Amino acid sequence: MTTSTRRTFLLGLGATGILAACDNSLNSSGSNVIDARVDRTLTELYANYPGTTQLRDKSVGQLVMPLVTEAGFGLGGSYGRGALRVGGVTVDYYSAAQASFGLQIGAQQYAHVLFFMTNEALQEFRSSPGWAAGADIEYAISNRGEEVSAETTTSFSPVIGVVFGQAGLRAGATIEGTKYTRIIP
């Protein structure tokens, strides 16, 4: 094993250890805190991006991550907690974690919502032990805050992601490669 391969392996192992240290259970008031944050996040989303109400109305469920913190200096990662809502009611709680390696420096916080546009996509998400966001997610709002209407995206993508509320010193939040895991109550 070469030195660079060992270094890469050790850095990857370190990132995995850091993310594994994140507790994935809810304490007695955890669900109330998450639900309150989800409510505020959805209110902000629909007020600042009114076109997303069309996505809400056409979707069969939404995964809301009110606060994801991302940081990196060569090796990076992100973590957040949120709730899955179906019919406006929380049905499960999830964590989102992502590890990254490469040219990066800085930190940021953002919110994101995944709109499940088909029952099949929602069922696949709920039945998997750890669902990873991939390139098949269409982003409805870019970093520049462009608006979108549901008609232009719902016929093409079973899952539509909206990333917003970015604050920090790192540009370009993405949820591709993020792993979502059900939080154990």
Protein backbone atom coordinates (compact mmCIF):
# COMPACT_ATOMS: atom_id res chain seq x y z
CA MET A 1 0.00 0.00 0.00
CA THR A 2 1.51 3.34 -1.00
CA THR A 3 1.77 6.29 1.37
CA SER A 4 -0.92 8.31 -0.45
CA THR A 5 -3.28 5.32 -0.45
CA ARG A 6 -2.74 4.81 3.28
CA ARG A 7 -3.27 8.50 3.95
CA THR A 8 -6.49 8.50 1.91
CA PHE A 9 -7.68 5.37 3.71
CA LEU A 10 -6.91 6.85 7.14
CA LEU A 11 -8.62 10.14 6.29
CA GLY A 12 -11.70 8.27 5.10
CA LEU A 13 -11.66 6.13 8.23
CA GLY A 14 -11.40 9.27 10.38
CA ALA A 15 -14.39 10.90 8.63
CA THR A 16 -16.42 7.75 9.12
CA GLY A 17 -15.53 7.71 12.82
CA ILE A 18 -16.53 11.34 13.28
CA LEU A 19 -19.91 10.77 11.62
CA ALA A 20 -20.45 7.52 13.52
CA ALA A 21 -20.02 9.41 16.78
CA CYS A 22 -23.21 11.35 16.04
CA ASP A 23 -25.90 9.88 18.27
CA ASN A 24 -28.85 8.70 16.19
CA SER A 25 -31.54 8.50 18.83
CA LEU A 26 -34.08 10.94 20.20
CA ASN A 27 -34.11 12.04 23.80
CA SER A 28 -37.38 12.82 25.58
CA SER A 29 -37.82 16.29 24.04
CA GLY A 30 -35.98 15.64 20.77
CA SER A 31 -39.06 15.04 18.65
CA ASN A 32 -40.74 18.25 19.89
CA VAL A 33 -37.64 20.28 19.03
CA ILE A 34 -37.37 18.74 15.56
CA ASP A 35 -41.09 19.27 14.85
CA ALA A 36 -40.88 22.95 15.90
CA ARG A 37 -37.85 23.48 13.63
CA VAL A 38 -39.58 21.71 10.75
CA ASP A 39 -42.64 23.96 11.14
CA ARG A 40 -40.47 27.11 11.07
CA THR A 41 -38.47 25.83 8.09
CA LEU A 42 -41.57 25.10 6.02
CA THR A 43 -43.06 28.50 6.89
CA GLU A 44 -39.83 30.19 5.73
CA LEU A 45 -39.62 28.09 2.56
CA TYR A 46 -43.18 28.80 1.43
CA ALA A 47 -42.94 32.52 2.32
CA ASN A 48 -39.63 33.11 0.51
CA TYR A 49 -40.23 30.75 -2.43
CA PRO A 50 -44.00 30.72 -3.10
CA GLY A 51 -43.57 28.41 -6.10
CA THR A 52 -42.64 25.59 -3.74
CA THR A 53 -46.23 25.43 -2.47
CA GLN A 54 -47.04 23.79 -5.82
CA LEU A 55 -44.43 21.13 -5.04
CA ARG A 56 -45.98 20.63 -1.58
CA ASP A 57 -49.46 20.28 -3.05
CA LYS A 58 -48.37 17.74 -5.69
CA SER A 59 -46.04 15.71 -3.49
CA VAL A 60 -47.00 12.64 -1.46
CA GLY A 61 -44.51 13.43 1.31
CA GLN A 62 -41.69 15.77 2.33
CA LEU A 63 -38.49 15.11 4.21
CA VAL A 64 -37.58 18.37 5.96
CA MET A 65 -34.05 18.95 7.26
CA PRO A 66 -34.26 22.29 9.07
CA LEU A 67 -30.57 22.67 9.89
CA VAL A 68 -27.67 20.86 8.28
CA THR A 69 -24.19 21.89 9.36
CA GLU A 70 -21.39 21.27 6.88
CA ALA A 71 -17.69 21.88 7.46
CA GLY A 72 -14.49 20.90 5.76
CA PHE A 73 -10.79 21.45 5.46
CA GLY A 74 -9.68 18.88 2.92
CA LEU A 75 -11.77 16.31 4.77
CA GLY A 76 -15.35 17.34 5.46
CA GLY A 77 -18.75 16.26 6.48
CA SER A 78 -22.26 17.37 7.27
CA TYR A 79 -24.96 16.33 9.72
CA GLY A 80 -28.55 17.29 10.46
CA ARG A 81 -31.85 15.96 11.75
CA GLY A 82 -35.34 16.32 10.42
CA ALA A 83 -38.76 14.81 9.95
CA LEU A 84 -40.67 13.00 7.23
CA ARG A 85 -44.14 14.44 6.78
CA VAL A 86 -46.95 12.68 4.95
CA GLY A 87 -50.27 14.48 4.70
CA GLY A 88 -48.84 17.29 6.86
CA VAL A 89 -48.17 14.91 9.77
CA THR A 90 -44.76 13.72 11.00
CA VAL A 91 -44.46 9.96 10.47
CA ASP A 92 -40.73 9.42 11.12
CA TYR A 93 -37.55 11.24 12.12
CA TYR A 94 -34.34 11.04 10.10
CA SER A 95 -30.71 12.08 10.29
CA ALA A 96 -28.70 13.17 7.27
CA ALA A 97 -24.94 12.60 7.12
CA GLN A 98 -22.39 13.15 4.40
CA ALA A 99 -18.61 12.76 4.24
CA SER A 100 -16.40 14.36 1.63
CA PHE A 101 -12.77 14.55 0.66
CA GLY A 102 -11.11 17.00 -1.69
CA LEU A 103 -10.35 20.64 -2.22
CA GLN A 104 -12.62 22.32 0.33
CA ILE A 105 -12.38 24.74 3.20
CA GLY A 106 -15.03 26.45 5.29
CA ALA A 107 -18.32 25.85 6.99
CA GLN A 108 -21.96 26.57 6.32
CA GLN A 109 -25.45 25.78 7.49
CA TYR A 110 -28.50 25.31 5.33
CA ALA A 111 -31.92 23.72 5.22
CA HIS A 112 -33.27 21.35 2.63
CA VAL A 113 -36.52 19.65 1.78
CA LEU A 114 -36.98 16.55 -0.35
CA PHE A 115 -40.36 16.43 -2.07
CA PHE A 116 -41.40 12.87 -2.93
CA MET A 117 -43.53 13.21 -6.05
CA THR A 118 -44.57 9.55 -6.37
CA ASN A 119 -45.78 6.92 -3.93
CA GLU A 120 -43.09 4.58 -5.27
CA ALA A 121 -40.27 7.02 -4.43
CA LEU A 122 -41.68 7.60 -0.93
CA GLN A 123 -42.10 3.86 -0.32
CA GLU A 124 -38.54 3.15 -1.50
CA PHE A 125 -37.22 5.82 0.86
CA ARG A 126 -39.20 4.54 3.86
CA SER A 127 -38.37 0.88 3.31
CA SER A 128 -34.61 1.27 2.87
CA PRO A 129 -32.35 0.96 5.94
CA GLY A 130 -30.23 3.90 4.78
CA TRP A 131 -31.23 5.84 1.68
CA ALA A 132 -28.52 7.79 -0.17
CA ALA A 133 -29.35 10.85 -2.24
CA GLY A 134 -27.97 10.46 -5.75
CA ALA A 135 -27.83 12.22 -9.06
CA ASP A 136 -31.48 11.31 -9.71
CA ILE A 137 -32.66 14.12 -7.43
CA GLU A 138 -33.63 17.24 -9.31
CA TYR A 139 -32.88 20.54 -7.58
CA ALA A 140 -35.74 23.01 -7.72
CA ILE A 141 -33.89 26.11 -6.52
CA SER A 142 -30.28 26.86 -7.29
CA ASN A 143 -27.78 28.70 -5.10
CA ARG A 144 -28.82 31.90 -6.86
CA GLY A 145 -32.38 31.57 -5.59
CA GLU A 146 -34.03 30.95 -8.95
CA GLU A 147 -37.72 30.11 -8.82
CA VAL A 148 -39.32 27.00 -10.24
CA SER A 149 -42.84 25.82 -10.82
CA ALA A 150 -44.06 22.31 -10.12
CA GLU A 151 -45.18 21.80 -13.72
CA THR A 152 -41.63 21.93 -15.04
CA THR A 153 -40.23 19.29 -12.72
CA THR A 154 -42.87 16.88 -11.45
CA SER A 155 -43.24 15.00 -14.70
CA PHE A 156 -39.51 14.18 -14.77
CA SER A 157 -38.30 13.51 -11.23
CA PRO A 158 -39.70 11.27 -8.50
CA VAL A 159 -37.74 13.28 -5.87
CA ILE A 160 -37.15 17.03 -5.97
CA GLY A 161 -34.69 18.66 -3.58
CA VAL A 162 -34.79 22.27 -2.44
CA VAL A 163 -31.69 23.64 -0.69
CA PHE A 164 -32.09 27.11 0.86
CA GLY A 165 -31.21 29.39 3.76
CA GLN A 166 -27.47 29.01 3.23
CA ALA A 167 -25.27 30.88 5.68
CA GLY A 168 -21.55 30.54 6.10
CA LEU A 169 -18.25 30.73 4.32
CA ARG A 170 -18.66 27.79 1.99
CA ALA A 171 -20.47 28.05 -1.34
CA GLY A 172 -22.56 25.46 -3.12
CA ALA A 173 -24.45 23.13 -0.81
CA THR A 174 -25.45 19.85 -2.37
CA ILE A 175 -27.29 16.90 -0.92
CA GLU A 176 -25.94 14.41 -3.46
CA GLY A 177 -24.20 11.64 -1.55
CA THR A 178 -26.07 12.38 1.67
CA LYS A 179 -27.22 9.28 3.56
CA TYR A 180 -30.55 9.44 5.38
CA THR A 181 -31.13 7.12 8.30
CA ARG A 182 -34.28 6.70 10.40
CA ILE A 183 -33.78 7.99 13.95
CA ILE A 184 -34.62 5.46 16.63
CA PRO A 185 -37.18 6.84 19.11
